All heavy atoms as atom14 arrays in JSON, in Angstrom:
{
  "sequence": "WFRQAPGKEREFVAVIGRSGNNIDYADFVKGRFTISRD",
  "atom14_mask": [
    [1, 1, 1, 1, 1, 1, 1, 1, 1, 1, 1, 1, 1, 1],
    [1, 1, 1, 1, 1, 1, 1, 1, 1, 1, 1, 0, 0, 0],
    [1, 1, 1, 1, 1, 1, 1, 1, 1, 1, 1, 0, 0, 0],
    [1, 1, 1, 1, 1, 1, 1, 1, 1, 0, 0, 0, 0, 0],
    [1, 1, 1, 1, 1, 0, 0, 0, 0, 0, 0, 0, 0, 0],
    [1, 1, 1, 1, 1, 1, 1, 0, 0, 0, 0, 0, 0, 0],
    [1, 1, 1, 1, 0, 0, 0, 0, 0, 0, 0, 0, 0, 0],
    [1, 1, 1, 1, 1, 1, 1, 1, 1, 0, 0, 0, 0, 0],
    [1, 1, 1, 1, 1, 1, 1, 1, 1, 0, 0, 0, 0, 0],
    [1, 1, 1, 1, 1, 1, 1, 1, 1, 1, 1, 0, 0, 0],
    [1, 1, 1, 1, 1, 1, 1, 1, 1, 0, 0, 0, 0, 0],
    [1, 1, 1, 1, 1, 1, 1, 1, 1, 1, 1, 0, 0, 0],
    [1, 1, 1, 1, 1, 1, 1, 0, 0, 0, 0, 0, 0, 0],
    [1, 1, 1, 1, 1, 0, 0, 0, 0, 0, 0, 0, 0, 0],
    [1, 1, 1, 1, 1, 1, 1, 0, 0, 0, 0, 0, 0, 0],
    [1, 1, 1, 1, 1, 1, 1, 1, 0, 0, 0, 0, 0, 0],
    [1, 1, 1, 1, 0, 0, 0, 0, 0, 0, 0, 0, 0, 0],
    [1, 1, 1, 1, 1, 1, 1, 1, 1, 1, 1, 0, 0, 0],
    [1, 1, 1, 1, 1, 1, 0, 0, 0, 0, 0, 0, 0, 0],
    [1, 1, 1, 1, 0, 0, 0, 0, 0, 0, 0, 0, 0, 0],
    [1, 1, 1, 1, 1, 1, 1, 1, 0, 0, 0, 0, 0, 0],
    [1, 1, 1, 1, 1, 1, 1, 1, 0, 0, 0, 0, 0, 0],
    [1, 1, 1, 1, 1, 1, 1, 1, 0, 0, 0, 0, 0, 0],
    [1, 1, 1, 1, 1, 1, 1, 1, 0, 0, 0, 0, 0, 0],
    [1, 1, 1, 1, 1, 1, 1, 1, 1, 1, 1, 1, 0, 0],
    [1, 1, 1, 1, 1, 0, 0, 0, 0, 0, 0, 0, 0, 0],
    [1, 1, 1, 1, 1, 1, 1, 1, 0, 0, 0, 0, 0, 0],
    [1, 1, 1, 1, 1, 1, 1, 1, 1, 1, 1, 0, 0, 0],
    [1, 1, 1, 1, 1, 1, 1, 0, 0, 0, 0, 0, 0, 0],
    [1, 1, 1, 1, 1, 1, 1, 1, 1, 0, 0, 0, 0, 0],
    [1, 1, 1, 1, 0, 0, 0, 0, 0, 0, 0, 0, 0, 0],
    [1, 1, 1, 1, 1, 1, 1, 1, 1, 1, 1, 0, 0, 0],
    [1, 1, 1, 1, 1, 1, 1, 1, 1, 1, 1, 0, 0, 0],
    [1, 1, 1, 1, 1, 1, 1, 0, 0, 0, 0, 0, 0, 0],
    [1, 1, 1, 1, 1, 1, 1, 1, 0, 0, 0, 0, 0, 0],
    [1, 1, 1, 1, 1, 1, 0, 0, 0, 0, 0, 0, 0, 0],
    [1, 1, 1, 1, 1, 1, 1, 1, 1, 1, 1, 0, 0, 0],
    [1, 1, 1, 1, 1, 1, 1, 1, 0, 0, 0, 0, 0, 0]
  ],
  "atom14_positions": [
    [[22.2, -8.38, -29.21], [22.11, -9.13, -30.53], [23.52, -9.57, -30.94], [24.39, -8.83, -30.87], [21.45, -8.24, -31.52], [19.97, -7.98, -31.31], [19.44, -6.85, -30.75], [18.94, -8.84, -31.75], [18.1, -6.99, -30.74], [17.73, -8.16, -31.37], [18.81, -10.04, -32.35], [16.47, -8.66, -31.54], [17.48, -10.53, -32.6], [16.37, -9.8, -32.11]],
    [[23.53, -10.81, -31.36], [24.74, -11.36, -31.89], [24.35, -12.04, -33.23], [23.12, -12.23, -33.54], [25.32, -12.46, -30.93], [25.82, -11.89, -29.67], [24.98, -11.43, -28.67], [27.14, -11.78, -29.36], [25.38, -10.89, -27.49], [27.71, -11.33, -28.21], [26.84, -10.85, -27.27], [0.0, 0.0, 0.0], [0.0, 0.0, 0.0], [0.0, 0.0, 0.0]],
    [[25.35, -12.4, -34.07], [25.02, -13.1, -35.32], [26.13, -14.12, -35.55], [27.3, -14.0, -35.11], [24.87, -12.11, -36.45], [26.16, -11.4, -36.86], [25.91, -10.33, -37.91], [27.1, -9.81, -38.51], [27.15, -8.84, -39.37], [26.05, -8.19, -39.72], [28.3, -8.35, -39.84], [0.0, 0.0, 0.0], [0.0, 0.0, 0.0], [0.0, 0.0, 0.0]],
    [[25.73, -15.03, -36.44], [26.65, -16.13, -36.89], [26.44, -16.32, -38.35], [25.34, -16.91, -38.67], [26.61, -17.35, -36.03], [27.66, -18.35, -36.31], [27.67, -19.53, -35.34], [26.79, -19.76, -34.56], [28.87, -20.18, -35.31], [0.0, 0.0, 0.0], [0.0, 0.0, 0.0], [0.0, 0.0, 0.0], [0.0, 0.0, 0.0], [0.0, 0.0, 0.0]],
    [[27.4, -16.01, -39.09], [27.38, -16.25, -40.55], [27.76, -17.75, -40.86], [28.57, -18.29, -40.01], [28.2, -15.29, -41.28], [0.0, 0.0, 0.0], [0.0, 0.0, 0.0], [0.0, 0.0, 0.0], [0.0, 0.0, 0.0], [0.0, 0.0, 0.0], [0.0, 0.0, 0.0], [0.0, 0.0, 0.0], [0.0, 0.0, 0.0], [0.0, 0.0, 0.0]],
    [[27.41, -18.32, -41.96], [27.82, -19.66, -42.29], [29.39, -19.7, -42.26], [30.02, -18.89, -42.89], [27.29, -19.85, -43.72], [26.1, -18.94, -43.75], [26.49, -17.78, -42.98], [0.0, 0.0, 0.0], [0.0, 0.0, 0.0], [0.0, 0.0, 0.0], [0.0, 0.0, 0.0], [0.0, 0.0, 0.0], [0.0, 0.0, 0.0], [0.0, 0.0, 0.0]],
    [[29.79, -20.76, -41.53], [31.31, -21.09, -41.52], [32.11, -20.08, -40.67], [33.28, -20.09, -40.64], [0.0, 0.0, 0.0], [0.0, 0.0, 0.0], [0.0, 0.0, 0.0], [0.0, 0.0, 0.0], [0.0, 0.0, 0.0], [0.0, 0.0, 0.0], [0.0, 0.0, 0.0], [0.0, 0.0, 0.0], [0.0, 0.0, 0.0], [0.0, 0.0, 0.0]],
    [[31.36, -19.18, -39.95], [32.09, -18.17, -39.11], [31.68, -18.36, -37.65], [30.67, -18.9, -37.32], [31.85, -16.82, -39.68], [32.39, -16.5, -41.11], [32.21, -15.09, -41.4], [32.9, -14.73, -42.8], [32.76, -13.29, -43.09], [0.0, 0.0, 0.0], [0.0, 0.0, 0.0], [0.0, 0.0, 0.0], [0.0, 0.0, 0.0], [0.0, 0.0, 0.0]],
    [[32.41, -17.74, -36.87], [32.12, -17.75, -35.36], [31.06, -16.63, -35.06], [30.88, -15.69, -35.92], [33.39, -17.42, -34.52], [34.42, -18.53, -34.64], [35.56, -18.33, -33.68], [35.63, -17.22, -33.08], [36.46, -19.18, -33.53], [0.0, 0.0, 0.0], [0.0, 0.0, 0.0], [0.0, 0.0, 0.0], [0.0, 0.0, 0.0], [0.0, 0.0, 0.0]],
    [[30.37, -16.89, -34.05], [29.39, -15.83, -33.59], [30.12, -14.57, -33.21], [31.15, -14.57, -32.71], [28.63, -16.49, -32.37], [27.51, -15.6, -31.96], [26.89, -16.13, -30.61], [27.89, -16.18, -29.5], [27.77, -16.9, -28.42], [26.76, -17.67, -28.3], [28.72, -16.85, -27.47], [0.0, 0.0, 0.0], [0.0, 0.0, 0.0], [0.0, 0.0, 0.0]],
    [[29.45, -13.52, -33.55], [30.02, -12.24, -33.24], [28.97, -11.23, -32.67], [27.73, -11.33, -32.96], [30.66, -11.58, -34.5], [29.72, -11.31, -35.65], [30.33, -10.74, -36.85], [31.6, -10.52, -36.89], [29.71, -10.62, -37.9], [0.0, 0.0, 0.0], [0.0, 0.0, 0.0], [0.0, 0.0, 0.0], [0.0, 0.0, 0.0], [0.0, 0.0, 0.0]],
    [[29.53, -10.3, -31.91], [28.64, -9.33, -31.26], [28.21, -8.3, -32.27], [28.87, -7.88, -33.12], [29.52, -8.58, -30.18], [28.9, -7.3, -29.75], [27.88, -7.21, -28.85], [29.46, -6.11, -30.12], [27.38, -6.05, -28.44], [28.94, -4.9, -29.71], [27.89, -4.92, -28.87], [0.0, 0.0, 0.0], [0.0, 0.0, 0.0], [0.0, 0.0, 0.0]],
    [[26.91, -7.88, -32.16], [26.34, -6.9, -33.0], [25.91, -5.61, -32.15], [26.4, -4.54, -32.52], [25.04, -7.44, -33.64], [24.38, -6.32, -34.46], [25.35, -8.62, -34.51], [0.0, 0.0, 0.0], [0.0, 0.0, 0.0], [0.0, 0.0, 0.0], [0.0, 0.0, 0.0], [0.0, 0.0, 0.0], [0.0, 0.0, 0.0], [0.0, 0.0, 0.0]],
    [[25.15, -5.74, -31.16], [24.72, -4.6, -30.37], [24.24, -5.03, -28.99], [23.9, -6.18, -28.81], [23.59, -3.87, -31.18], [0.0, 0.0, 0.0], [0.0, 0.0, 0.0], [0.0, 0.0, 0.0], [0.0, 0.0, 0.0], [0.0, 0.0, 0.0], [0.0, 0.0, 0.0], [0.0, 0.0, 0.0], [0.0, 0.0, 0.0], [0.0, 0.0, 0.0]],
    [[24.32, -4.05, -28.03], [23.94, -4.33, -26.69], [23.28, -3.12, -26.09], [23.65, -1.97, -26.41], [25.01, -4.83, -25.75], [26.02, -3.76, -25.59], [24.56, -5.33, -24.37], [0.0, 0.0, 0.0], [0.0, 0.0, 0.0], [0.0, 0.0, 0.0], [0.0, 0.0, 0.0], [0.0, 0.0, 0.0], [0.0, 0.0, 0.0], [0.0, 0.0, 0.0]],
    [[22.23, -3.26, -25.35], [21.51, -2.18, -24.66], [21.39, -2.49, -23.18], [21.02, -3.59, -22.78], [20.18, -1.96, -25.35], [19.45, -0.68, -24.82], [19.25, -3.2, -25.23], [18.37, -0.2, -25.68], [0.0, 0.0, 0.0], [0.0, 0.0, 0.0], [0.0, 0.0, 0.0], [0.0, 0.0, 0.0], [0.0, 0.0, 0.0], [0.0, 0.0, 0.0]],
    [[21.61, -1.42, -22.39], [21.52, -1.67, -20.93], [20.06, -1.74, -20.45], [19.14, -1.58, -21.22], [0.0, 0.0, 0.0], [0.0, 0.0, 0.0], [0.0, 0.0, 0.0], [0.0, 0.0, 0.0], [0.0, 0.0, 0.0], [0.0, 0.0, 0.0], [0.0, 0.0, 0.0], [0.0, 0.0, 0.0], [0.0, 0.0, 0.0], [0.0, 0.0, 0.0]],
    [[19.93, -1.86, -19.16], [18.57, -2.13, -18.57], [17.69, -1.02, -18.79], [16.46, -1.32, -18.97], [18.78, -2.49, -17.04], [19.48, -3.84, -16.79], [20.12, -3.87, -15.45], [20.81, -5.04, -15.26], [22.16, -5.33, -15.71], [22.71, -4.35, -16.35], [22.64, -6.43, -15.41], [0.0, 0.0, 0.0], [0.0, 0.0, 0.0], [0.0, 0.0, 0.0]],
    [[18.16, 0.21, -18.73], [17.13, 1.31, -18.89], [17.1, 1.79, -20.26], [16.16, 2.58, -20.51], [17.71, 2.51, -17.96], [18.96, 2.97, -18.43], [0.0, 0.0, 0.0], [0.0, 0.0, 0.0], [0.0, 0.0, 0.0], [0.0, 0.0, 0.0], [0.0, 0.0, 0.0], [0.0, 0.0, 0.0], [0.0, 0.0, 0.0], [0.0, 0.0, 0.0]],
    [[18.03, 1.28, -21.04], [17.99, 1.76, -22.56], [18.88, 2.89, -22.76], [19.04, 3.31, -23.81], [0.0, 0.0, 0.0], [0.0, 0.0, 0.0], [0.0, 0.0, 0.0], [0.0, 0.0, 0.0], [0.0, 0.0, 0.0], [0.0, 0.0, 0.0], [0.0, 0.0, 0.0], [0.0, 0.0, 0.0], [0.0, 0.0, 0.0], [0.0, 0.0, 0.0]],
    [[19.57, 3.45, -21.57], [20.4, 4.58, -21.8], [21.83, 4.29, -22.38], [22.46, 5.19, -22.9], [20.42, 5.4, -20.55], [19.17, 6.07, -20.19], [18.31, 6.39, -20.98], [18.91, 6.14, -18.81], [0.0, 0.0, 0.0], [0.0, 0.0, 0.0], [0.0, 0.0, 0.0], [0.0, 0.0, 0.0], [0.0, 0.0, 0.0], [0.0, 0.0, 0.0]],
    [[22.13, 3.11, -22.06], [23.66, 2.78, -22.48], [23.48, 1.78, -23.59], [22.82, 0.68, -23.51], [24.29, 2.06, -21.25], [24.57, 3.0, -20.11], [24.91, 4.27, -20.44], [24.4, 2.66, -18.93], [0.0, 0.0, 0.0], [0.0, 0.0, 0.0], [0.0, 0.0, 0.0], [0.0, 0.0, 0.0], [0.0, 0.0, 0.0], [0.0, 0.0, 0.0]],
    [[24.13, 1.97, -24.64], [24.15, 1.23, -25.91], [25.57, 1.17, -26.42], [26.34, 2.07, -26.42], [23.27, 1.88, -26.96], [21.72, 1.71, -26.45], [23.37, 1.2, -28.31], [20.81, 2.47, -27.33], [0.0, 0.0, 0.0], [0.0, 0.0, 0.0], [0.0, 0.0, 0.0], [0.0, 0.0, 0.0], [0.0, 0.0, 0.0], [0.0, 0.0, 0.0]],
    [[25.93, 0.02, -27.07], [27.17, -0.18, -27.79], [26.91, -0.96, -28.96], [25.97, -1.84, -29.07], [28.13, -0.85, -26.86], [29.52, -0.62, -27.38], [29.79, 0.13, -28.39], [30.54, -1.2, -26.82], [0.0, 0.0, 0.0], [0.0, 0.0, 0.0], [0.0, 0.0, 0.0], [0.0, 0.0, 0.0], [0.0, 0.0, 0.0], [0.0, 0.0, 0.0]],
    [[27.61, -0.71, -30.11], [27.5, -1.37, -31.28], [28.94, -1.9, -31.81], [29.86, -1.39, -31.56], [27.07, -0.47, -32.46], [25.64, 0.05, -32.21], [25.38, 1.32, -31.68], [24.48, -0.69, -32.55], [24.11, 1.78, -31.48], [23.19, -0.27, -32.47], [23.04, 0.91, -31.86], [21.79, 1.5, -31.65], [0.0, 0.0, 0.0], [0.0, 0.0, 0.0]],
    [[28.89, -3.02, -32.58], [30.02, -3.35, -33.32], [30.35, -2.37, -34.43], [29.39, -1.76, -34.96], [29.82, -4.76, -33.94], [0.0, 0.0, 0.0], [0.0, 0.0, 0.0], [0.0, 0.0, 0.0], [0.0, 0.0, 0.0], [0.0, 0.0, 0.0], [0.0, 0.0, 0.0], [0.0, 0.0, 0.0], [0.0, 0.0, 0.0], [0.0, 0.0, 0.0]],
    [[31.59, -2.18, -34.69], [31.96, -1.08, -35.58], [31.26, -1.3, -36.95], [30.91, -0.39, -37.65], [33.48, -1.03, -35.86], [34.16, -0.45, -34.54], [33.5, 0.2, -33.84], [35.34, -0.58, -34.46], [0.0, 0.0, 0.0], [0.0, 0.0, 0.0], [0.0, 0.0, 0.0], [0.0, 0.0, 0.0], [0.0, 0.0, 0.0], [0.0, 0.0, 0.0]],
    [[31.11, -2.57, -37.45], [30.63, -2.77, -38.73], [29.14, -2.57, -38.88], [28.55, -2.69, -39.99], [30.98, -4.28, -39.18], [30.5, -5.36, -38.26], [29.14, -5.72, -38.23], [31.32, -5.95, -37.36], [28.73, -6.72, -37.37], [30.9, -6.98, -36.49], [29.56, -7.33, -36.52], [0.0, 0.0, 0.0], [0.0, 0.0, 0.0], [0.0, 0.0, 0.0]],
    [[28.38, -2.22, -37.78], [26.99, -1.85, -37.93], [26.65, -0.46, -37.54], [25.53, -0.02, -37.68], [26.09, -2.87, -37.17], [26.31, -4.3, -37.69], [26.26, -2.71, -35.64], [0.0, 0.0, 0.0], [0.0, 0.0, 0.0], [0.0, 0.0, 0.0], [0.0, 0.0, 0.0], [0.0, 0.0, 0.0], [0.0, 0.0, 0.0], [0.0, 0.0, 0.0]],
    [[27.67, 0.31, -37.01], [27.44, 1.67, -36.56], [26.96, 2.48, -37.7], [27.55, 2.44, -38.79], [28.71, 2.24, -36.01], [29.04, 1.72, -34.6], [30.38, 2.34, -34.11], [30.55, 1.85, -32.68], [31.88, 2.39, -32.05], [0.0, 0.0, 0.0], [0.0, 0.0, 0.0], [0.0, 0.0, 0.0], [0.0, 0.0, 0.0], [0.0, 0.0, 0.0]],
    [[25.84, 3.18, -37.51], [25.24, 4.06, -38.57], [24.25, 3.31, -39.35], [23.52, 3.97, -40.09], [0.0, 0.0, 0.0], [0.0, 0.0, 0.0], [0.0, 0.0, 0.0], [0.0, 0.0, 0.0], [0.0, 0.0, 0.0], [0.0, 0.0, 0.0], [0.0, 0.0, 0.0], [0.0, 0.0, 0.0], [0.0, 0.0, 0.0], [0.0, 0.0, 0.0]],
    [[24.18, 2.04, -39.24], [23.24, 1.21, -40.0], [22.21, 0.54, -39.17], [21.01, 0.38, -39.56], [23.96, 0.16, -40.94], [24.87, 0.75, -41.84], [25.44, -0.32, -42.94], [26.04, -1.39, -42.18], [25.77, -2.67, -42.3], [24.81, -3.01, -43.16], [26.5, -3.62, -41.7], [0.0, 0.0, 0.0], [0.0, 0.0, 0.0], [0.0, 0.0, 0.0]],
    [[22.52, -0.01, -38.03], [21.68, -0.68, -37.13], [21.4, 0.03, -35.91], [22.21, 0.85, -35.41], [22.29, -2.07, -36.63], [22.49, -3.05, -37.81], [22.29, -2.82, -39.08], [22.93, -4.3, -37.45], [22.46, -3.67, -40.08], [23.09, -5.33, -38.43], [22.89, -5.0, -39.85], [0.0, 0.0, 0.0], [0.0, 0.0, 0.0], [0.0, 0.0, 0.0]],
    [[20.25, -0.11, -35.38], [19.77, 0.54, -34.15], [19.06, -0.45, -33.15], [18.18, -1.17, -33.59], [18.8, 1.7, -34.39], [19.38, 2.69, -35.29], [18.4, 2.41, -33.06], [0.0, 0.0, 0.0], [0.0, 0.0, 0.0], [0.0, 0.0, 0.0], [0.0, 0.0, 0.0], [0.0, 0.0, 0.0], [0.0, 0.0, 0.0], [0.0, 0.0, 0.0]],
    [[19.65, -0.54, -31.97], [19.08, -1.38, -30.99], [18.19, -0.54, -30.1], [18.38, 0.57, -29.85], [20.12, -2.19, -30.2], [19.46, -3.29, -29.27], [20.98, -1.25, -29.39], [20.47, -4.09, -28.58], [0.0, 0.0, 0.0], [0.0, 0.0, 0.0], [0.0, 0.0, 0.0], [0.0, 0.0, 0.0], [0.0, 0.0, 0.0], [0.0, 0.0, 0.0]],
    [[16.95, -1.1, -29.77], [16.17, -0.36, -28.84], [15.31, -1.4, -27.91], [15.39, -2.62, -28.28], [15.14, 0.6, -29.51], [14.35, -0.22, -30.38], [0.0, 0.0, 0.0], [0.0, 0.0, 0.0], [0.0, 0.0, 0.0], [0.0, 0.0, 0.0], [0.0, 0.0, 0.0], [0.0, 0.0, 0.0], [0.0, 0.0, 0.0], [0.0, 0.0, 0.0]],
    [[14.78, -0.93, -26.89], [13.97, -1.81, -26.03], [12.6, -1.1, -25.55], [12.76, 0.11, -25.38], [14.8, -2.41, -24.86], [15.2, -1.29, -23.82], [16.17, -1.91, -22.83], [15.5, -2.9, -22.03], [16.21, -3.88, -21.33], [17.47, -3.92, -21.35], [15.54, -4.65, -20.55], [0.0, 0.0, 0.0], [0.0, 0.0, 0.0], [0.0, 0.0, 0.0]],
    [[11.58, -1.83, -25.4], [10.37, -1.39, -24.91], [10.07, -2.2, -23.64], [9.64, -3.29, -23.69], [9.19, -1.64, -25.87], [7.89, -0.92, -25.45], [7.76, -0.82, -24.26], [7.11, -0.55, -26.36], [0.0, 0.0, 0.0], [0.0, 0.0, 0.0], [0.0, 0.0, 0.0], [0.0, 0.0, 0.0], [0.0, 0.0, 0.0], [0.0, 0.0, 0.0]]
  ]
}
């Protein structure tokens, strides 16, 4: 997931690997956002 706010560049939010075991977040969403896959 990425996001782009008005007037700003697109930025990374979260990524999840193929199996769902590897995940990474942008610092500004850690503890608030959760990425998952089914």
